[in-house]
Structure formats: C-alpha cells, structure tokens
N, C-alpha and C. Protein backbone atom coordinates (compact mmCIF):
# COMPACT_ATOMS: atom_id res chain seq x y z
N MET A 1 18.65 -33.18 -7.95
CA MET A 1 18.57 -33.40 -9.40
C MET A 1 17.28 -32.78 -9.94
N THR A 2 17.12 -31.47 -9.74
CA THR A 2 15.87 -30.84 -10.16
C THR A 2 15.90 -30.32 -11.59
N TYR A 3 17.05 -29.80 -12.03
CA TYR A 3 17.22 -29.21 -13.37
C TYR A 3 16.41 -27.93 -13.56
N VAL A 4 15.80 -27.42 -12.50
CA VAL A 4 15.01 -26.19 -12.56
C VAL A 4 15.64 -25.18 -11.62
N TYR A 5 15.90 -23.97 -12.15
CA TYR A 5 16.56 -22.93 -11.38
C TYR A 5 15.85 -21.60 -11.61
N TYR A 6 15.93 -20.74 -10.62
CA TYR A 6 15.38 -19.39 -10.79
C TYR A 6 16.53 -18.46 -11.15
N ASN A 7 16.41 -17.79 -12.30
CA ASN A 7 17.42 -16.85 -12.76
C ASN A 7 17.00 -15.45 -12.30
N LYS A 8 17.70 -14.92 -11.30
CA LYS A 8 17.34 -13.61 -10.74
C LYS A 8 17.53 -12.48 -11.75
N LYS A 9 18.50 -12.64 -12.65
CA LYS A 9 18.80 -11.59 -13.62
C LYS A 9 17.62 -11.35 -14.57
N VAL A 10 17.04 -12.42 -15.06
CA VAL A 10 15.94 -12.28 -16.02
C VAL A 10 14.57 -12.55 -15.39
N LYS A 11 14.58 -12.90 -14.10
CA LYS A 11 13.36 -13.14 -13.33
C LYS A 11 12.47 -14.20 -13.98
N ARG A 12 13.11 -15.33 -14.30
CA ARG A 12 12.39 -16.45 -14.91
C ARG A 12 12.92 -17.76 -14.35
N TRP A 13 12.06 -18.77 -14.42
CA TRP A 13 12.45 -20.12 -14.06
C TRP A 13 13.05 -20.78 -15.30
N VAL A 14 14.22 -21.40 -15.13
CA VAL A 14 14.97 -21.96 -16.25
C VAL A 14 15.12 -23.46 -16.07
N VAL A 15 14.92 -24.19 -17.17
CA VAL A 15 15.18 -25.63 -17.17
C VAL A 15 16.48 -25.83 -17.93
N GLN A 16 17.46 -26.40 -17.25
CA GLN A 16 18.75 -26.65 -17.90
C GLN A 16 19.38 -27.90 -17.33
N LYS A 17 20.22 -28.54 -18.13
CA LYS A 17 20.87 -29.78 -17.73
C LYS A 17 22.25 -29.83 -18.36
N THR A 18 23.22 -30.36 -17.63
CA THR A 18 24.56 -30.57 -18.17
C THR A 18 24.60 -31.95 -18.81
N ILE A 19 24.93 -31.97 -20.09
CA ILE A 19 25.04 -33.21 -20.85
C ILE A 19 26.42 -33.24 -21.50
N ASP A 20 27.18 -34.28 -21.23
CA ASP A 20 28.54 -34.43 -21.77
C ASP A 20 29.40 -33.21 -21.45
N GLY A 21 29.26 -32.67 -20.25
CA GLY A 21 30.08 -31.54 -19.82
C GLY A 21 29.65 -30.18 -20.34
N ARG A 22 28.54 -30.11 -21.06
CA ARG A 22 28.05 -28.83 -21.59
C ARG A 22 26.66 -28.56 -21.05
N CYS A 23 26.43 -27.31 -20.68
CA CYS A 23 25.13 -26.91 -20.14
C CYS A 23 24.16 -26.66 -21.30
N HIS A 24 23.01 -27.31 -21.24
CA HIS A 24 21.99 -27.16 -22.28
C HIS A 24 20.76 -26.49 -21.68
N HIS A 25 20.24 -25.48 -22.38
CA HIS A 25 19.07 -24.72 -21.95
C HIS A 25 17.84 -25.33 -22.61
N PHE A 26 16.84 -25.66 -21.81
CA PHE A 26 15.63 -26.30 -22.34
C PHE A 26 14.40 -25.42 -22.24
N GLY A 27 14.56 -24.18 -21.86
CA GLY A 27 13.43 -23.25 -21.83
C GLY A 27 13.43 -22.40 -20.57
N SER A 28 12.74 -21.28 -20.64
CA SER A 28 12.57 -20.42 -19.48
C SER A 28 11.08 -20.10 -19.36
N PHE A 29 10.64 -19.97 -18.13
CA PHE A 29 9.21 -19.89 -17.86
C PHE A 29 8.93 -18.84 -16.79
N MET A 30 7.75 -18.26 -16.85
CA MET A 30 7.35 -17.25 -15.87
C MET A 30 7.02 -17.88 -14.52
N SER A 31 6.49 -19.10 -14.53
CA SER A 31 6.11 -19.72 -13.26
C SER A 31 6.93 -20.99 -13.00
N GLU A 32 7.11 -21.27 -11.73
CA GLU A 32 7.84 -22.47 -11.31
C GLU A 32 7.10 -23.73 -11.76
N GLU A 33 5.78 -23.69 -11.69
CA GLU A 33 4.97 -24.85 -12.07
C GLU A 33 5.18 -25.22 -13.54
N GLU A 34 5.18 -24.21 -14.42
CA GLU A 34 5.42 -24.46 -15.85
C GLU A 34 6.79 -25.08 -16.07
N ALA A 35 7.79 -24.58 -15.35
CA ALA A 35 9.16 -25.09 -15.50
C ALA A 35 9.23 -26.55 -15.09
N TYR A 36 8.60 -26.91 -13.98
CA TYR A 36 8.63 -28.30 -13.54
C TYR A 36 7.85 -29.22 -14.48
N GLU A 37 6.76 -28.71 -15.04
CA GLU A 37 6.01 -29.50 -16.03
C GLU A 37 6.87 -29.77 -17.25
N HIS A 38 7.59 -28.75 -17.71
CA HIS A 38 8.44 -28.93 -18.89
C HIS A 38 9.62 -29.85 -18.55
N ARG A 39 10.18 -29.72 -17.35
CA ARG A 39 11.26 -30.61 -16.93
C ARG A 39 10.80 -32.07 -16.98
N ASP A 40 9.58 -32.33 -16.49
CA ASP A 40 9.04 -33.69 -16.51
C ASP A 40 8.89 -34.19 -17.94
N TYR A 41 8.41 -33.30 -18.83
CA TYR A 41 8.28 -33.65 -20.25
C TYR A 41 9.64 -34.03 -20.84
N CYS A 42 10.66 -33.23 -20.53
CA CYS A 42 12.01 -33.50 -21.04
C CYS A 42 12.54 -34.82 -20.53
N MET A 43 12.30 -35.11 -19.26
CA MET A 43 12.76 -36.37 -18.69
C MET A 43 12.08 -37.56 -19.38
N GLU A 44 10.79 -37.43 -19.66
CA GLU A 44 10.05 -38.50 -20.33
C GLU A 44 10.55 -38.73 -21.75
N HIS A 45 11.06 -37.68 -22.40
CA HIS A 45 11.50 -37.77 -23.79
C HIS A 45 13.03 -37.80 -23.93
N GLY A 46 13.72 -38.12 -22.86
CA GLY A 46 15.17 -38.33 -22.93
C GLY A 46 15.98 -37.08 -23.21
N TRP A 47 15.48 -35.91 -22.83
CA TRP A 47 16.19 -34.65 -23.01
C TRP A 47 16.60 -34.44 -24.47
N SER A 48 15.71 -34.75 -25.40
CA SER A 48 16.01 -34.62 -26.83
C SER A 48 16.03 -33.15 -27.25
N GLU A 49 16.51 -32.91 -28.45
CA GLU A 49 16.57 -31.55 -29.00
C GLU A 49 15.17 -30.95 -29.10
N ARG A 50 14.15 -31.78 -29.27
CA ARG A 50 12.78 -31.28 -29.38
C ARG A 50 12.30 -30.63 -28.09
N CYS A 51 12.99 -30.92 -26.98
CA CYS A 51 12.62 -30.32 -25.69
C CYS A 51 13.10 -28.88 -25.58
N LYS A 52 14.05 -28.48 -26.42
CA LYS A 52 14.58 -27.12 -26.37
C LYS A 52 13.59 -26.20 -27.06
N ILE A 53 12.90 -25.38 -26.26
CA ILE A 53 11.79 -24.60 -26.80
C ILE A 53 11.93 -23.12 -26.49
N ASN A 54 11.08 -22.36 -27.12
CA ASN A 54 10.80 -20.99 -26.69
C ASN A 54 9.29 -20.83 -26.71
N GLY A 55 8.81 -19.65 -26.59
CA GLY A 55 7.38 -19.43 -26.50
C GLY A 55 6.59 -19.90 -27.70
N LYS A 56 7.21 -19.98 -28.87
CA LYS A 56 6.51 -20.39 -30.07
C LYS A 56 6.88 -21.81 -30.50
N GLY A 57 7.74 -22.47 -29.75
CA GLY A 57 8.17 -23.80 -30.14
C GLY A 57 9.18 -23.78 -31.27
N ASP A 58 9.75 -22.62 -31.56
CA ASP A 58 10.73 -22.46 -32.63
C ASP A 58 12.11 -22.77 -32.08
N LEU A 59 12.87 -23.59 -32.77
CA LEU A 59 14.18 -24.01 -32.27
C LEU A 59 15.33 -23.13 -32.74
N THR A 60 15.06 -22.04 -33.43
CA THR A 60 16.15 -21.20 -33.90
C THR A 60 16.87 -20.57 -32.72
N PRO A 61 18.21 -20.57 -32.71
CA PRO A 61 18.94 -19.99 -31.59
C PRO A 61 18.58 -18.54 -31.34
N PHE A 62 18.33 -17.78 -32.41
CA PHE A 62 17.99 -16.36 -32.28
C PHE A 62 16.79 -16.19 -31.35
N LYS A 63 15.75 -16.95 -31.58
CA LYS A 63 14.54 -16.83 -30.78
C LYS A 63 14.70 -17.49 -29.42
N ARG A 64 15.46 -18.57 -29.34
CA ARG A 64 15.69 -19.22 -28.04
C ARG A 64 16.38 -18.26 -27.10
N VAL A 65 17.39 -17.55 -27.58
CA VAL A 65 18.14 -16.62 -26.74
C VAL A 65 17.25 -15.46 -26.33
N ALA A 66 16.46 -14.94 -27.25
CA ALA A 66 15.57 -13.82 -26.92
C ALA A 66 14.59 -14.24 -25.83
N HIS A 67 14.03 -15.41 -25.95
CA HIS A 67 13.08 -15.88 -24.96
C HIS A 67 13.76 -16.06 -23.60
N MET A 68 14.97 -16.55 -23.61
CA MET A 68 15.70 -16.78 -22.37
C MET A 68 15.89 -15.48 -21.60
N PHE A 69 16.03 -14.36 -22.31
CA PHE A 69 16.24 -13.08 -21.65
C PHE A 69 14.96 -12.27 -21.50
N GLY A 70 13.82 -12.93 -21.66
CA GLY A 70 12.56 -12.29 -21.36
C GLY A 70 11.98 -11.41 -22.44
N VAL A 71 12.54 -11.47 -23.65
CA VAL A 71 12.01 -10.68 -24.76
C VAL A 71 10.85 -11.46 -25.38
N ASP A 72 9.76 -10.79 -25.63
CA ASP A 72 8.61 -11.43 -26.26
C ASP A 72 9.00 -11.87 -27.67
N VAL A 73 8.92 -13.18 -27.94
CA VAL A 73 9.36 -13.67 -29.25
C VAL A 73 8.47 -13.19 -30.39
N ASN A 74 7.24 -12.77 -30.06
CA ASN A 74 6.36 -12.23 -31.12
C ASN A 74 6.83 -10.87 -31.61
N SER A 75 7.64 -10.18 -30.79
CA SER A 75 8.12 -8.86 -31.18
C SER A 75 9.38 -8.92 -32.06
N ILE A 76 9.94 -10.12 -32.23
CA ILE A 76 11.16 -10.25 -33.04
C ILE A 76 10.76 -10.38 -34.50
N PRO A 77 11.33 -9.55 -35.37
CA PRO A 77 10.99 -9.64 -36.78
C PRO A 77 11.42 -10.98 -37.37
N GLN A 78 10.60 -11.49 -38.29
CA GLN A 78 10.93 -12.74 -38.96
C GLN A 78 12.08 -12.51 -39.91
N ARG A 79 12.94 -13.49 -40.04
CA ARG A 79 14.07 -13.37 -40.97
C ARG A 79 13.66 -13.71 -42.37
C-alpha cells in the first residue's frame, strides 16, 4: 500500500491512488523522497483534492497534466 510508483516513460516518481474505482493522480516528483513525503501529506489530509498538485500548486488540469509529463509548468503560457 505505497501509492508511490516510478513511471519509466516520464522518468518521475508518481503518487496515485484508486478511489471509488478511479485512479487519481496526486503529483509527480523528480525524487523518490519527495514522492513519499507528499504521499504522507496526502494520507494525513485524507487524500483531499488539495493534495492534487503540480510544481506551482495550481489545480488546473492543464498544468497538472503538463507537470505529470515532465514539462516545466513555468514554460506554459497563462490563459
């Protein structure tokens, strides 16, 4: 029950959990240590929507997806 996985495709550590039969992404990280720290934070806060982050803490799906695939969120133009 770790909820932390290494994604070989994007070369990042991913925190994800299945809730009500759906897989939820809670962030991707360059280091395993950061991923486990965030996993612990999510567990303490009941896996709330606030745990779903990207590099800037922005919850917009556009930026969450970009971060998940290793794109620097600072390089994405603001809408």
